Structures are given as structure tokens and as C-alpha cells.
Amino acid sequence: MAIIKKALILGTAIALLPTDQAQQNEFYERSTDALQWTMTFCDRNQTICTEGNALWTTFVQKAEFGAGVAYTLFQKQFNVDEPRALPVKEPLFERRGTLKPEDMRPGWRGGAQTSRSGA
């Protein structure tokens, strides 16, 4: 389902691209300008980028702390460090593959032997 969504979005994006050469040139120039404007954001707004970097660093530290707490609680709750053996259950029936009960009976029990013709 996700691949269908991606194909639909990609197809829509391709369909919206201009076909006229002049429109293609204008689209290319605007795309280049938008990319340049985005890439130089921190050059134009140093204080915002500095504050954003500080906030991101704080967020990462808090996320690492939270993950460590969750990991420790998980280990304590489930005693992951202690090896445990799984309980062994007795089988409900003896596995015989495709053999039927009559296949399991021995063919000869020491009684009278039957004669085989053509032997």
C-alpha cells in the first residue's frame, strides 16, 4: 500500500512539472533560488540557529536520559540478566510422521509362517 502512495505522489509531482521550455527555465531558477535561500538560513539568522542548536542539544540529552531510564526499568522488571529455562511440556501425542497405527504393528510375531507364492 505504501508503494502505491509513493507512486501516486511521484506521478502527481511529475505531472505538475511544466512542459514549455520557458516555464521549465523559470521553474529551475526558482527552485535553485529556494534551495539557496534555505541553505543560507543560518548565515542570515545566526541567533535563531544558535538557539535552535542549543534546544536540539538539550532535546537529545533528555531523549538519551529517558531511553536510559526506560532501558533500566525494563531490565529490572523482566530480569533480563538472569537466564531462564522455558518449561518443558510433555507432547500430546507421539510423533510418527505419516505412519498409521497398522503400519506400526510388526509384520511377524513368531507364529505360523505364511507361504509366499513365487518365492
N, C-alpha and C. Protein backbone atom coordinates (compact mmCIF):
# COMPACT_ATOMS: atom_id res chain seq x y z
N MET A 1 0.82 -1.18 0.00
CA MET A 1 0.00 0.00 0.00
C MET A 1 0.87 1.25 0.00
N ALA A 2 1.98 1.21 0.72
CA ALA A 2 2.87 2.37 0.79
C ALA A 2 3.50 2.65 -0.57
N ILE A 3 3.80 1.60 -1.31
CA ILE A 3 4.42 1.81 -2.62
C ILE A 3 3.43 2.46 -3.58
N ILE A 4 2.14 2.15 -3.41
CA ILE A 4 1.12 2.77 -4.26
C ILE A 4 1.03 4.26 -3.94
N LYS A 5 1.08 4.60 -2.65
CA LYS A 5 1.04 6.02 -2.25
C LYS A 5 2.24 6.77 -2.83
N LYS A 6 3.41 6.16 -2.70
CA LYS A 6 4.62 6.82 -3.21
C LYS A 6 4.57 6.98 -4.72
N ALA A 7 4.08 5.96 -5.41
CA ALA A 7 3.96 6.05 -6.87
C ALA A 7 2.96 7.13 -7.26
N LEU A 8 1.86 7.24 -6.52
CA LEU A 8 0.86 8.26 -6.80
C LEU A 8 1.42 9.67 -6.58
N ILE A 9 2.14 9.86 -5.48
CA ILE A 9 2.74 11.17 -5.20
C ILE A 9 3.79 11.52 -6.25
N LEU A 10 4.62 10.55 -6.60
CA LEU A 10 5.65 10.79 -7.62
C LEU A 10 5.01 11.10 -8.97
N GLY A 11 3.98 10.35 -9.32
CA GLY A 11 3.28 10.60 -10.58
C GLY A 11 2.65 11.98 -10.62
N THR A 12 2.06 12.40 -9.50
CA THR A 12 1.45 13.73 -9.42
C THR A 12 2.52 14.81 -9.56
N ALA A 13 3.65 14.62 -8.89
CA ALA A 13 4.73 15.61 -8.98
C ALA A 13 5.25 15.72 -10.41
N ILE A 14 5.39 14.60 -11.07
CA ILE A 14 5.88 14.62 -12.46
C ILE A 14 4.84 15.27 -13.37
N ALA A 15 3.56 14.98 -13.13
CA ALA A 15 2.51 15.56 -13.97
C ALA A 15 2.44 17.08 -13.81
N LEU A 16 2.81 17.59 -12.64
CA LEU A 16 2.74 19.03 -12.40
C LEU A 16 3.94 19.80 -12.94
N LEU A 17 4.98 19.10 -13.37
CA LEU A 17 6.14 19.78 -13.94
C LEU A 17 5.77 20.43 -15.27
N PRO A 18 6.34 21.60 -15.55
CA PRO A 18 5.99 22.29 -16.79
C PRO A 18 6.59 21.61 -18.02
N THR A 19 5.91 21.78 -19.15
CA THR A 19 6.41 21.21 -20.40
C THR A 19 7.00 22.28 -21.33
N ASP A 20 6.56 23.51 -21.19
CA ASP A 20 7.07 24.62 -22.01
C ASP A 20 8.50 24.96 -21.58
N GLN A 21 9.37 25.21 -22.55
CA GLN A 21 10.78 25.48 -22.25
C GLN A 21 10.96 26.71 -21.37
N ALA A 22 10.21 27.76 -21.62
CA ALA A 22 10.33 28.99 -20.82
C ALA A 22 9.87 28.73 -19.38
N GLN A 23 8.79 27.98 -19.23
CA GLN A 23 8.30 27.65 -17.88
C GLN A 23 9.29 26.74 -17.16
N GLN A 24 9.92 25.82 -17.90
CA GLN A 24 10.92 24.94 -17.29
C GLN A 24 12.11 25.74 -16.78
N ASN A 25 12.57 26.72 -17.56
CA ASN A 25 13.69 27.56 -17.13
C ASN A 25 13.32 28.37 -15.89
N GLU A 26 12.11 28.94 -15.88
CA GLU A 26 11.66 29.71 -14.72
C GLU A 26 11.53 28.81 -13.49
N PHE A 27 11.00 27.60 -13.68
CA PHE A 27 10.87 26.65 -12.57
C PHE A 27 12.25 26.29 -12.01
N TYR A 28 13.21 26.05 -12.90
CA TYR A 28 14.57 25.71 -12.47
C TYR A 28 15.20 26.86 -11.69
N GLU A 29 15.05 28.08 -12.17
CA GLU A 29 15.62 29.24 -11.48
C GLU A 29 14.99 29.43 -10.11
N ARG A 30 13.68 29.31 -10.02
CA ARG A 30 13.00 29.47 -8.72
C ARG A 30 13.39 28.36 -7.75
N SER A 31 13.51 27.14 -8.27
CA SER A 31 13.92 26.02 -7.41
C SER A 31 15.33 26.23 -6.88
N THR A 32 16.23 26.69 -7.75
CA THR A 32 17.60 26.97 -7.34
C THR A 32 17.65 28.08 -6.30
N ASP A 33 16.88 29.14 -6.52
CA ASP A 33 16.83 30.25 -5.56
C ASP A 33 16.28 29.79 -4.21
N ALA A 34 15.23 28.97 -4.23
CA ALA A 34 14.64 28.47 -2.98
C ALA A 34 15.64 27.60 -2.23
N LEU A 35 16.37 26.76 -2.95
CA LEU A 35 17.37 25.92 -2.31
C LEU A 35 18.49 26.77 -1.72
N GLN A 36 18.94 27.76 -2.46
CA GLN A 36 19.99 28.65 -1.96
C GLN A 36 19.52 29.40 -0.73
N TRP A 37 18.28 29.89 -0.74
CA TRP A 37 17.72 30.62 0.40
C TRP A 37 17.64 29.72 1.63
N THR A 38 17.25 28.46 1.42
CA THR A 38 17.15 27.51 2.54
C THR A 38 18.54 27.18 3.10
N MET A 39 19.51 26.97 2.21
CA MET A 39 20.84 26.58 2.65
C MET A 39 21.57 27.70 3.40
N THR A 40 21.21 28.94 3.13
CA THR A 40 21.90 30.07 3.78
C THR A 40 21.08 30.67 4.92
N PHE A 41 20.12 29.94 5.44
CA PHE A 41 19.26 30.46 6.50
C PHE A 41 20.08 30.85 7.73
N CYS A 42 20.99 29.99 8.15
CA CYS A 42 21.79 30.27 9.35
C CYS A 42 22.77 31.42 9.13
N ASP A 43 23.18 31.66 7.89
CA ASP A 43 24.04 32.82 7.62
C ASP A 43 23.28 34.12 7.86
N ARG A 44 22.00 34.11 7.54
CA ARG A 44 21.17 35.31 7.70
C ARG A 44 20.59 35.44 9.10
N ASN A 45 20.41 34.35 9.82
CA ASN A 45 19.74 34.36 11.13
C ASN A 45 20.58 33.59 12.15
N GLN A 46 21.71 34.13 12.51
CA GLN A 46 22.64 33.41 13.39
C GLN A 46 22.07 33.17 14.78
N THR A 47 21.35 34.13 15.33
CA THR A 47 20.83 33.96 16.69
C THR A 47 19.79 32.84 16.74
N ILE A 48 18.94 32.77 15.73
CA ILE A 48 17.92 31.72 15.71
C ILE A 48 18.58 30.35 15.60
N CYS A 49 19.58 30.23 14.76
CA CYS A 49 20.27 28.94 14.60
C CYS A 49 21.03 28.56 15.87
N THR A 50 21.62 29.53 16.55
CA THR A 50 22.33 29.25 17.80
C THR A 50 21.36 28.75 18.86
N GLU A 51 20.21 29.43 18.99
CA GLU A 51 19.20 28.99 19.95
C GLU A 51 18.62 27.63 19.57
N GLY A 52 18.40 27.43 18.29
CA GLY A 52 17.88 26.14 17.83
C GLY A 52 18.85 25.01 18.10
N ASN A 53 20.14 25.27 17.91
CA ASN A 53 21.15 24.27 18.20
C ASN A 53 21.18 23.93 19.68
N ALA A 54 21.06 24.95 20.54
CA ALA A 54 21.04 24.72 21.98
C ALA A 54 19.81 23.90 22.37
N LEU A 55 18.66 24.24 21.79
CA LEU A 55 17.44 23.48 22.09
C LEU A 55 17.56 22.04 21.62
N TRP A 56 18.14 21.85 20.44
CA TRP A 56 18.30 20.49 19.92
C TRP A 56 19.25 19.67 20.80
N THR A 57 20.33 20.28 21.26
CA THR A 57 21.27 19.59 22.14
C THR A 57 20.58 19.18 23.44
N THR A 58 19.78 20.07 24.01
CA THR A 58 19.04 19.76 25.23
C THR A 58 18.05 18.63 24.98
N PHE A 59 17.36 18.68 23.85
CA PHE A 59 16.40 17.64 23.50
C PHE A 59 17.07 16.28 23.38
N VAL A 60 18.23 16.23 22.73
CA VAL A 60 18.96 14.97 22.56
C VAL A 60 19.39 14.42 23.92
N GLN A 61 19.88 15.29 24.81
CA GLN A 61 20.29 14.85 26.14
C GLN A 61 19.11 14.28 26.91
N LYS A 62 17.96 14.94 26.84
CA LYS A 62 16.77 14.44 27.53
C LYS A 62 16.31 13.11 26.94
N ALA A 63 16.38 12.98 25.63
CA ALA A 63 15.97 11.74 24.98
C ALA A 63 16.89 10.59 25.39
N GLU A 64 18.19 10.85 25.46
CA GLU A 64 19.13 9.82 25.89
C GLU A 64 18.87 9.42 27.33
N PHE A 65 18.59 10.39 28.20
CA PHE A 65 18.29 10.10 29.59
C PHE A 65 17.01 9.26 29.70
N GLY A 66 15.97 9.67 28.98
CA GLY A 66 14.71 8.93 29.01
C GLY A 66 14.86 7.51 28.50
N ALA A 67 15.64 7.33 27.44
CA ALA A 67 15.88 5.98 26.92
C ALA A 67 16.64 5.14 27.93
N GLY A 68 17.60 5.75 28.62
CA GLY A 68 18.36 5.02 29.65
C GLY A 68 17.47 4.59 30.80
N VAL A 69 16.57 5.48 31.24
CA VAL A 69 15.65 5.14 32.33
C VAL A 69 14.73 4.01 31.89
N ALA A 70 14.18 4.11 30.70
CA ALA A 70 13.28 3.06 30.20
C ALA A 70 14.01 1.73 30.09
N TYR A 71 15.24 1.74 29.61
CA TYR A 71 16.03 0.52 29.48
C TYR A 71 16.29 -0.11 30.84
N THR A 72 16.67 0.72 31.82
CA THR A 72 16.94 0.21 33.17
C THR A 72 15.69 -0.38 33.79
N LEU A 73 14.56 0.31 33.67
CA LEU A 73 13.31 -0.21 34.22
C LEU A 73 12.91 -1.51 33.54
N PHE A 74 13.10 -1.60 32.26
CA PHE A 74 12.78 -2.83 31.54
C PHE A 74 13.64 -3.98 32.04
N GLN A 75 14.93 -3.72 32.22
CA GLN A 75 15.84 -4.77 32.69
C GLN A 75 15.47 -5.22 34.09
N LYS A 76 15.12 -4.27 34.98
CA LYS A 76 14.75 -4.63 36.34
C LYS A 76 13.42 -5.37 36.38
N GLN A 77 12.47 -4.94 35.58
CA GLN A 77 11.14 -5.54 35.59
C GLN A 77 11.17 -6.98 35.11
N PHE A 78 11.91 -7.25 34.06
CA PHE A 78 11.89 -8.57 33.46
C PHE A 78 13.14 -9.39 33.77
N ASN A 79 14.03 -8.88 34.60
CA ASN A 79 15.25 -9.59 34.99
C ASN A 79 15.94 -10.18 33.77
N VAL A 80 16.26 -9.35 32.82
CA VAL A 80 16.83 -9.79 31.56
C VAL A 80 18.21 -10.43 31.78
N ASP A 81 18.92 -10.00 32.80
CA ASP A 81 20.27 -10.52 33.02
C ASP A 81 20.28 -11.97 33.49
N GLU A 82 19.20 -12.42 34.15
CA GLU A 82 19.16 -13.78 34.67
C GLU A 82 18.66 -14.73 33.58
N PRO A 83 19.46 -15.77 33.28
CA PRO A 83 18.99 -16.73 32.27
C PRO A 83 17.84 -17.55 32.83
N ARG A 84 16.87 -17.79 32.02
CA ARG A 84 15.71 -18.58 32.43
C ARG A 84 15.50 -19.73 31.46
N ALA A 85 15.12 -20.86 32.03
CA ALA A 85 14.78 -22.00 31.19
C ALA A 85 13.28 -22.02 30.96
N LEU A 86 12.90 -22.33 29.77
CA LEU A 86 11.48 -22.43 29.47
C LEU A 86 10.94 -23.75 30.01
N PRO A 87 9.70 -23.77 30.50
CA PRO A 87 9.14 -25.02 31.00
C PRO A 87 8.96 -26.01 29.85
N VAL A 88 9.24 -27.27 30.15
CA VAL A 88 9.12 -28.32 29.14
C VAL A 88 7.74 -28.95 29.27
N LYS A 89 7.04 -29.01 28.18
CA LYS A 89 5.72 -29.65 28.17
C LYS A 89 5.85 -31.03 27.55
N GLU A 90 5.09 -31.95 28.09
CA GLU A 90 5.06 -33.29 27.52
C GLU A 90 4.29 -33.23 26.20
N PRO A 91 4.72 -33.98 25.20
CA PRO A 91 3.99 -33.96 23.94
C PRO A 91 2.60 -34.57 24.10
N LEU A 92 1.64 -34.03 23.39
CA LEU A 92 0.27 -34.54 23.47
C LEU A 92 0.15 -35.90 22.81
N PHE A 93 0.95 -36.17 21.83
CA PHE A 93 0.93 -37.47 21.16
C PHE A 93 2.33 -37.75 20.63
N GLU A 94 2.59 -39.03 20.40
CA GLU A 94 3.89 -39.42 19.90
C GLU A 94 3.95 -39.13 18.40
N ARG A 95 4.96 -38.45 17.99
CA ARG A 95 5.07 -38.10 16.58
C ARG A 95 5.54 -39.32 15.79
N ARG A 96 4.80 -39.63 14.76
CA ARG A 96 5.13 -40.79 13.94
C ARG A 96 5.22 -40.42 12.47
N GLY A 97 5.16 -39.17 12.18
CA GLY A 97 5.21 -38.77 10.79
C GLY A 97 3.91 -39.14 10.09
N THR A 98 4.03 -39.86 8.97
CA THR A 98 2.84 -40.24 8.20
C THR A 98 2.42 -41.67 8.45
N LEU A 99 3.01 -42.34 9.43
CA LEU A 99 2.67 -43.74 9.70
C LEU A 99 1.31 -43.85 10.38
N LYS A 100 0.56 -44.86 9.97
CA LYS A 100 -0.74 -45.16 10.58
C LYS A 100 -0.51 -46.19 11.67
N PRO A 101 -1.49 -46.39 12.57
CA PRO A 101 -1.32 -47.40 13.62
C PRO A 101 -1.03 -48.80 13.07
N GLU A 102 -1.67 -49.17 11.95
CA GLU A 102 -1.40 -50.52 11.40
C GLU A 102 0.00 -50.61 10.81
N ASP A 103 0.59 -49.49 10.42
CA ASP A 103 1.97 -49.50 9.93
C ASP A 103 2.94 -49.75 11.08
N MET A 104 2.53 -49.42 12.29
CA MET A 104 3.41 -49.57 13.45
C MET A 104 3.41 -51.00 14.00
N ARG A 105 2.40 -51.79 13.65
CA ARG A 105 2.35 -53.18 14.13
C ARG A 105 3.41 -54.00 13.41
N PRO A 106 4.12 -54.87 14.15
CA PRO A 106 5.13 -55.69 13.48
C PRO A 106 4.47 -56.69 12.53
N GLY A 107 5.16 -56.99 11.46
CA GLY A 107 4.62 -57.92 10.45
C GLY A 107 4.72 -59.38 10.88
N TRP A 108 5.63 -59.72 11.74
CA TRP A 108 5.81 -61.11 12.14
C TRP A 108 5.91 -61.17 13.65
N ARG A 109 5.14 -62.05 14.29
CA ARG A 109 5.14 -62.15 15.75
C ARG A 109 5.58 -63.53 16.23
N GLY A 110 6.18 -64.30 15.41
CA GLY A 110 6.68 -65.59 15.85
C GLY A 110 5.67 -66.72 15.72
N GLY A 111 4.55 -66.50 15.13
CA GLY A 111 3.53 -67.52 14.96
C GLY A 111 3.81 -68.33 13.71
N ALA A 112 2.76 -68.90 13.16
CA ALA A 112 2.88 -69.70 11.94
C ALA A 112 3.25 -68.79 10.78
N GLN A 113 4.17 -69.30 9.99
CA GLN A 113 4.59 -68.51 8.84
C GLN A 113 3.66 -68.78 7.67
N THR A 114 3.44 -67.78 6.91
CA THR A 114 2.63 -67.96 5.72
C THR A 114 3.54 -68.22 4.55
N SER A 115 3.08 -69.07 3.65
CA SER A 115 3.91 -69.38 2.49
C SER A 115 3.69 -68.32 1.42
N ARG A 116 4.74 -67.97 0.83
CA ARG A 116 4.67 -66.97 -0.23
C ARG A 116 4.79 -67.68 -1.57
N SER A 117 3.92 -67.32 -2.44
CA SER A 117 3.98 -67.97 -3.75
C SER A 117 4.99 -67.25 -4.62
N GLY A 118 5.69 -67.97 -5.41
CA GLY A 118 6.65 -67.40 -6.35
C GLY A 118 7.96 -67.03 -5.71
N ALA A 119 8.23 -67.54 -4.52
CA ALA A 119 9.47 -67.18 -3.87
C ALA A 119 10.53 -68.13 -4.16
